[in-house]
Amino acid sequence: MDTSNPAVFVNAELLRLYVGRRVRALIQVIRSENGAVVGKSTDDSQIVVKGSPPRAPTTFVEVIGIADGDKSIRAEMWTNFGDAIDTHNYNQLCQLANGEFKHLFI
């Protein structure tokens, strides 16, 4: 496992703290337009993901890429997460990974 450039777990609120850095976020796909996917983050805010999504994206996808703005990510990798997931739990994971337990996450 390469840990030289880890991706920080983020939601839309936390994304602004990592502009220019590698992040990972779970989004609910709302629509695709002009080479980007507009999605809802686990904290119910909107994120724009630039890049080519999977050919058949599921309702929820996790994106790893570079935060290129406070509400956008330039995608490197997309992972389908299916059509149902507990977004509250993923959002709690983002909070833990950026809070007092930050040291437990890469």
N, C-alpha and C. Protein backbone atom coordinates (compact mmCIF):
# COMPACT_ATOMS: atom_id res chain seq x y z
N MET A 1 0.84 -1.17 0.00
CA MET A 1 0.00 0.00 0.00
C MET A 1 0.89 1.25 0.00
N ASP A 2 0.65 2.13 -0.94
CA ASP A 2 1.42 3.36 -1.03
C ASP A 2 0.80 4.41 -0.11
N THR A 3 1.53 4.83 0.89
CA THR A 3 1.02 5.84 1.83
C THR A 3 1.72 7.18 1.66
N SER A 4 2.43 7.35 0.55
CA SER A 4 3.18 8.59 0.35
C SER A 4 2.28 9.78 0.01
N ASN A 5 1.09 9.52 -0.51
CA ASN A 5 0.18 10.60 -0.87
C ASN A 5 -1.24 10.20 -0.49
N PRO A 6 -1.56 10.16 0.82
CA PRO A 6 -2.88 9.68 1.25
C PRO A 6 -3.99 10.65 0.87
N ALA A 7 -5.18 10.10 0.75
CA ALA A 7 -6.37 10.90 0.45
C ALA A 7 -7.15 11.09 1.75
N VAL A 8 -7.40 12.32 2.12
CA VAL A 8 -8.11 12.65 3.35
C VAL A 8 -9.61 12.48 3.14
N PHE A 9 -10.30 11.84 4.08
CA PHE A 9 -11.75 11.74 4.02
C PHE A 9 -12.36 13.12 4.23
N VAL A 10 -13.22 13.56 3.30
CA VAL A 10 -13.85 14.87 3.42
C VAL A 10 -15.32 14.82 3.03
N ASN A 11 -16.06 15.79 3.54
CA ASN A 11 -17.39 16.09 3.05
C ASN A 11 -17.27 17.49 2.42
N ALA A 12 -18.35 18.08 1.99
CA ALA A 12 -18.27 19.38 1.33
C ALA A 12 -17.74 20.47 2.26
N GLU A 13 -18.14 20.44 3.51
CA GLU A 13 -17.69 21.44 4.48
C GLU A 13 -16.17 21.39 4.69
N LEU A 14 -15.61 20.20 4.74
CA LEU A 14 -14.19 20.03 5.00
C LEU A 14 -13.33 20.22 3.75
N LEU A 15 -13.93 20.12 2.59
CA LEU A 15 -13.18 20.19 1.32
C LEU A 15 -12.35 21.46 1.21
N ARG A 16 -12.88 22.58 1.67
CA ARG A 16 -12.18 23.87 1.57
C ARG A 16 -10.85 23.89 2.31
N LEU A 17 -10.69 23.00 3.29
CA LEU A 17 -9.45 22.95 4.07
C LEU A 17 -8.32 22.24 3.33
N TYR A 18 -8.65 21.57 2.23
CA TYR A 18 -7.67 20.73 1.54
C TYR A 18 -7.48 21.09 0.07
N VAL A 19 -7.75 22.30 -0.33
CA VAL A 19 -7.57 22.71 -1.72
C VAL A 19 -6.12 22.47 -2.12
N GLY A 20 -5.94 21.78 -3.24
CA GLY A 20 -4.61 21.44 -3.73
C GLY A 20 -4.09 20.11 -3.21
N ARG A 21 -4.84 19.46 -2.33
CA ARG A 21 -4.41 18.19 -1.75
C ARG A 21 -5.32 17.05 -2.21
N ARG A 22 -4.85 15.84 -1.98
CA ARG A 22 -5.60 14.64 -2.38
C ARG A 22 -6.66 14.34 -1.34
N VAL A 23 -7.90 14.14 -1.81
CA VAL A 23 -9.04 13.90 -0.92
C VAL A 23 -9.86 12.73 -1.44
N ARG A 24 -10.76 12.24 -0.57
CA ARG A 24 -11.75 11.24 -0.98
C ARG A 24 -13.09 11.66 -0.40
N ALA A 25 -14.11 11.57 -1.22
CA ALA A 25 -15.45 11.99 -0.80
C ALA A 25 -16.50 11.05 -1.39
N LEU A 26 -17.55 10.84 -0.65
CA LEU A 26 -18.70 10.07 -1.14
C LEU A 26 -19.75 11.07 -1.58
N ILE A 27 -20.28 10.87 -2.80
CA ILE A 27 -21.34 11.75 -3.28
C ILE A 27 -22.51 10.92 -3.81
N GLN A 28 -23.67 11.53 -3.72
CA GLN A 28 -24.86 10.98 -4.37
C GLN A 28 -24.98 11.70 -5.69
N VAL A 29 -24.90 10.96 -6.79
CA VAL A 29 -24.92 11.56 -8.12
C VAL A 29 -26.27 12.20 -8.38
N ILE A 30 -26.25 13.49 -8.72
CA ILE A 30 -27.48 14.21 -9.06
C ILE A 30 -27.63 14.30 -10.57
N ARG A 31 -26.53 14.73 -11.25
CA ARG A 31 -26.56 14.83 -12.70
C ARG A 31 -25.14 14.95 -13.24
N SER A 32 -25.01 14.68 -14.53
CA SER A 32 -23.75 14.87 -15.25
C SER A 32 -23.95 15.99 -16.25
N GLU A 33 -22.94 16.86 -16.35
CA GLU A 33 -23.03 17.96 -17.31
C GLU A 33 -21.64 18.48 -17.65
N ASN A 34 -21.38 18.70 -18.91
CA ASN A 34 -20.14 19.32 -19.39
C ASN A 34 -18.87 18.70 -18.80
N GLY A 35 -18.76 17.37 -18.81
CA GLY A 35 -17.57 16.71 -18.32
C GLY A 35 -17.41 16.72 -16.81
N ALA A 36 -18.49 16.92 -16.11
CA ALA A 36 -18.45 16.94 -14.65
C ALA A 36 -19.70 16.27 -14.09
N VAL A 37 -19.59 15.83 -12.86
CA VAL A 37 -20.73 15.25 -12.16
C VAL A 37 -21.07 16.15 -10.98
N VAL A 38 -22.32 16.50 -10.87
CA VAL A 38 -22.79 17.28 -9.73
C VAL A 38 -23.39 16.27 -8.75
N GLY A 39 -22.94 16.35 -7.50
CA GLY A 39 -23.42 15.40 -6.51
C GLY A 39 -23.67 16.04 -5.17
N LYS A 40 -24.38 15.30 -4.33
CA LYS A 40 -24.67 15.76 -2.98
C LYS A 40 -23.72 15.04 -2.03
N SER A 41 -23.00 15.80 -1.23
CA SER A 41 -22.06 15.26 -0.26
C SER A 41 -22.83 14.67 0.92
N THR A 42 -22.10 13.97 1.78
CA THR A 42 -22.74 13.34 2.94
C THR A 42 -23.23 14.36 3.97
N ASP A 43 -22.82 15.63 3.83
CA ASP A 43 -23.34 16.68 4.72
C ASP A 43 -24.41 17.51 4.01
N ASP A 44 -24.98 16.96 2.94
CA ASP A 44 -26.09 17.55 2.18
C ASP A 44 -25.73 18.81 1.40
N SER A 45 -24.46 19.08 1.18
CA SER A 45 -24.05 20.19 0.34
C SER A 45 -23.61 19.64 -1.01
N GLN A 46 -23.58 20.52 -2.00
CA GLN A 46 -23.25 20.11 -3.35
C GLN A 46 -21.75 20.16 -3.62
N ILE A 47 -21.27 19.16 -4.37
CA ILE A 47 -19.88 19.10 -4.82
C ILE A 47 -19.89 18.83 -6.32
N VAL A 48 -18.98 19.48 -7.05
CA VAL A 48 -18.80 19.23 -8.47
C VAL A 48 -17.53 18.40 -8.62
N VAL A 49 -17.64 17.29 -9.33
CA VAL A 49 -16.49 16.42 -9.57
C VAL A 49 -16.19 16.46 -11.06
N LYS A 50 -14.98 16.90 -11.38
CA LYS A 50 -14.55 17.01 -12.78
C LYS A 50 -13.81 15.75 -13.17
N GLY A 51 -14.08 15.27 -14.38
CA GLY A 51 -13.43 14.06 -14.85
C GLY A 51 -14.45 13.08 -15.40
N SER A 52 -13.96 11.95 -15.89
CA SER A 52 -14.82 10.94 -16.50
C SER A 52 -15.31 9.94 -15.47
N PRO A 53 -16.61 9.96 -15.19
CA PRO A 53 -17.16 9.01 -14.21
C PRO A 53 -17.21 7.60 -14.82
N PRO A 54 -17.49 6.60 -14.01
CA PRO A 54 -17.65 5.24 -14.56
C PRO A 54 -18.76 5.24 -15.61
N ARG A 55 -18.68 4.31 -16.53
CA ARG A 55 -19.68 4.24 -17.61
C ARG A 55 -21.10 4.11 -17.06
N ALA A 56 -21.25 3.36 -16.02
CA ALA A 56 -22.58 3.17 -15.41
C ALA A 56 -22.48 3.50 -13.92
N PRO A 57 -22.41 4.79 -13.58
CA PRO A 57 -22.29 5.12 -12.16
C PRO A 57 -23.53 4.71 -11.39
N THR A 58 -23.31 4.26 -10.17
CA THR A 58 -24.43 3.94 -9.29
C THR A 58 -24.89 5.25 -8.64
N THR A 59 -25.89 5.17 -7.81
CA THR A 59 -26.40 6.36 -7.14
C THR A 59 -25.33 7.01 -6.28
N PHE A 60 -24.53 6.20 -5.60
CA PHE A 60 -23.46 6.71 -4.75
C PHE A 60 -22.11 6.29 -5.30
N VAL A 61 -21.19 7.25 -5.37
CA VAL A 61 -19.82 6.97 -5.80
C VAL A 61 -18.85 7.64 -4.84
N GLU A 62 -17.72 6.97 -4.61
CA GLU A 62 -16.64 7.59 -3.86
C GLU A 62 -15.62 8.06 -4.87
N VAL A 63 -15.16 9.28 -4.68
CA VAL A 63 -14.21 9.88 -5.60
C VAL A 63 -12.93 10.19 -4.85
N ILE A 64 -11.80 9.83 -5.46
CA ILE A 64 -10.49 10.21 -4.94
C ILE A 64 -9.87 11.12 -5.98
N GLY A 65 -9.39 12.26 -5.53
CA GLY A 65 -8.79 13.20 -6.47
C GLY A 65 -8.23 14.41 -5.74
N ILE A 66 -7.95 15.45 -6.50
CA ILE A 66 -7.37 16.68 -5.97
C ILE A 66 -8.48 17.71 -5.76
N ALA A 67 -8.55 18.26 -4.57
CA ALA A 67 -9.51 19.33 -4.30
C ALA A 67 -9.02 20.56 -5.06
N ASP A 68 -9.77 20.99 -6.05
CA ASP A 68 -9.32 22.15 -6.83
C ASP A 68 -10.17 23.39 -6.58
N GLY A 69 -10.96 23.35 -5.56
CA GLY A 69 -11.77 24.48 -5.12
C GLY A 69 -12.50 24.09 -3.86
N ASP A 70 -13.18 25.05 -3.26
CA ASP A 70 -13.85 24.73 -1.99
C ASP A 70 -15.09 23.87 -2.17
N LYS A 71 -15.54 23.68 -3.41
CA LYS A 71 -16.69 22.82 -3.68
C LYS A 71 -16.47 21.94 -4.91
N SER A 72 -15.19 21.69 -5.27
CA SER A 72 -14.94 20.85 -6.45
C SER A 72 -13.70 19.98 -6.29
N ILE A 73 -13.76 18.84 -6.98
CA ILE A 73 -12.68 17.85 -6.96
C ILE A 73 -12.35 17.48 -8.40
N ARG A 74 -11.07 17.38 -8.71
CA ARG A 74 -10.61 16.86 -10.00
C ARG A 74 -10.33 15.37 -9.78
N ALA A 75 -11.20 14.52 -10.30
CA ALA A 75 -11.18 13.09 -9.99
C ALA A 75 -9.99 12.36 -10.61
N GLU A 76 -9.41 11.45 -9.81
CA GLU A 76 -8.39 10.51 -10.29
C GLU A 76 -8.98 9.11 -10.36
N MET A 77 -9.86 8.79 -9.40
CA MET A 77 -10.43 7.46 -9.31
C MET A 77 -11.87 7.54 -8.82
N TRP A 78 -12.72 6.73 -9.44
CA TRP A 78 -14.13 6.64 -9.06
C TRP A 78 -14.42 5.21 -8.61
N THR A 79 -15.20 5.05 -7.54
CA THR A 79 -15.61 3.73 -7.08
C THR A 79 -17.11 3.74 -6.86
N ASN A 80 -17.81 2.85 -7.57
CA ASN A 80 -19.24 2.72 -7.34
C ASN A 80 -19.49 2.16 -5.95
N PHE A 81 -20.43 2.77 -5.22
CA PHE A 81 -20.78 2.33 -3.88
C PHE A 81 -22.21 1.82 -3.81
N GLY A 82 -22.84 1.62 -4.95
CA GLY A 82 -24.19 1.06 -4.98
C GLY A 82 -25.27 2.12 -4.93
N ASP A 83 -26.48 1.65 -4.69
CA ASP A 83 -27.64 2.54 -4.71
C ASP A 83 -28.19 2.86 -3.34
N ALA A 84 -27.59 2.31 -2.30
CA ALA A 84 -28.02 2.61 -0.92
C ALA A 84 -26.81 2.53 -0.01
N ILE A 85 -26.63 3.56 0.80
CA ILE A 85 -25.54 3.58 1.78
C ILE A 85 -25.95 4.52 2.91
N ASP A 86 -25.44 4.29 4.07
CA ASP A 86 -25.73 5.15 5.21
C ASP A 86 -24.80 6.37 5.14
N THR A 87 -25.27 7.44 4.57
CA THR A 87 -24.44 8.64 4.40
C THR A 87 -24.11 9.29 5.74
N HIS A 88 -24.96 9.10 6.73
CA HIS A 88 -24.68 9.65 8.06
C HIS A 88 -23.40 9.03 8.63
N ASN A 89 -23.27 7.71 8.51
CA ASN A 89 -22.07 7.05 9.02
C ASN A 89 -20.82 7.50 8.27
N TYR A 90 -20.90 7.64 6.95
CA TYR A 90 -19.74 8.10 6.18
C TYR A 90 -19.38 9.53 6.60
N ASN A 91 -20.39 10.35 6.84
CA ASN A 91 -20.14 11.72 7.28
C ASN A 91 -19.46 11.74 8.65
N GLN A 92 -19.87 10.83 9.54
CA GLN A 92 -19.22 10.71 10.85
C GLN A 92 -17.76 10.29 10.68
N LEU A 93 -17.49 9.41 9.73
CA LEU A 93 -16.12 9.00 9.43
C LEU A 93 -15.29 10.21 9.02
N CYS A 94 -15.86 11.07 8.18
CA CYS A 94 -15.15 12.30 7.77
C CYS A 94 -14.84 13.17 8.98
N GLN A 95 -15.78 13.29 9.89
CA GLN A 95 -15.57 14.10 11.09
C GLN A 95 -14.46 13.50 11.97
N LEU A 96 -14.48 12.19 12.15
CA LEU A 96 -13.45 11.53 12.96
C LEU A 96 -12.07 11.66 12.31
N ALA A 97 -12.01 11.52 11.00
CA ALA A 97 -10.74 11.58 10.28
C ALA A 97 -10.14 12.98 10.27
N ASN A 98 -10.92 13.96 10.66
CA ASN A 98 -10.44 15.34 10.67
C ASN A 98 -10.51 15.97 12.07
N GLY A 99 -10.81 15.16 13.07
CA GLY A 99 -10.94 15.66 14.42
C GLY A 99 -9.89 15.08 15.35
N GLU A 100 -10.32 14.77 16.56
CA GLU A 100 -9.37 14.32 17.58
C GLU A 100 -8.73 12.97 17.25
N PHE A 101 -9.32 12.19 16.35
CA PHE A 101 -8.75 10.89 15.98
C PHE A 101 -8.01 10.93 14.65
N LYS A 102 -7.65 12.10 14.22
CA LYS A 102 -6.97 12.31 12.94
C LYS A 102 -5.72 11.44 12.83
N HIS A 103 -5.03 11.24 13.93
CA HIS A 103 -3.79 10.47 13.93
C HIS A 103 -4.00 8.99 13.57
N LEU A 104 -5.22 8.49 13.67
CA LEU A 104 -5.51 7.10 13.33
C LEU A 104 -5.68 6.89 11.83
N PHE A 105 -5.85 7.97 11.09
CA PHE A 105 -6.06 7.88 9.65
C PHE A 105 -4.80 8.30 8.92
N ILE A 106 -4.57 7.69 7.79
CA ILE A 106 -3.37 8.01 7.00
C ILE A 106 -3.48 9.43 6.46
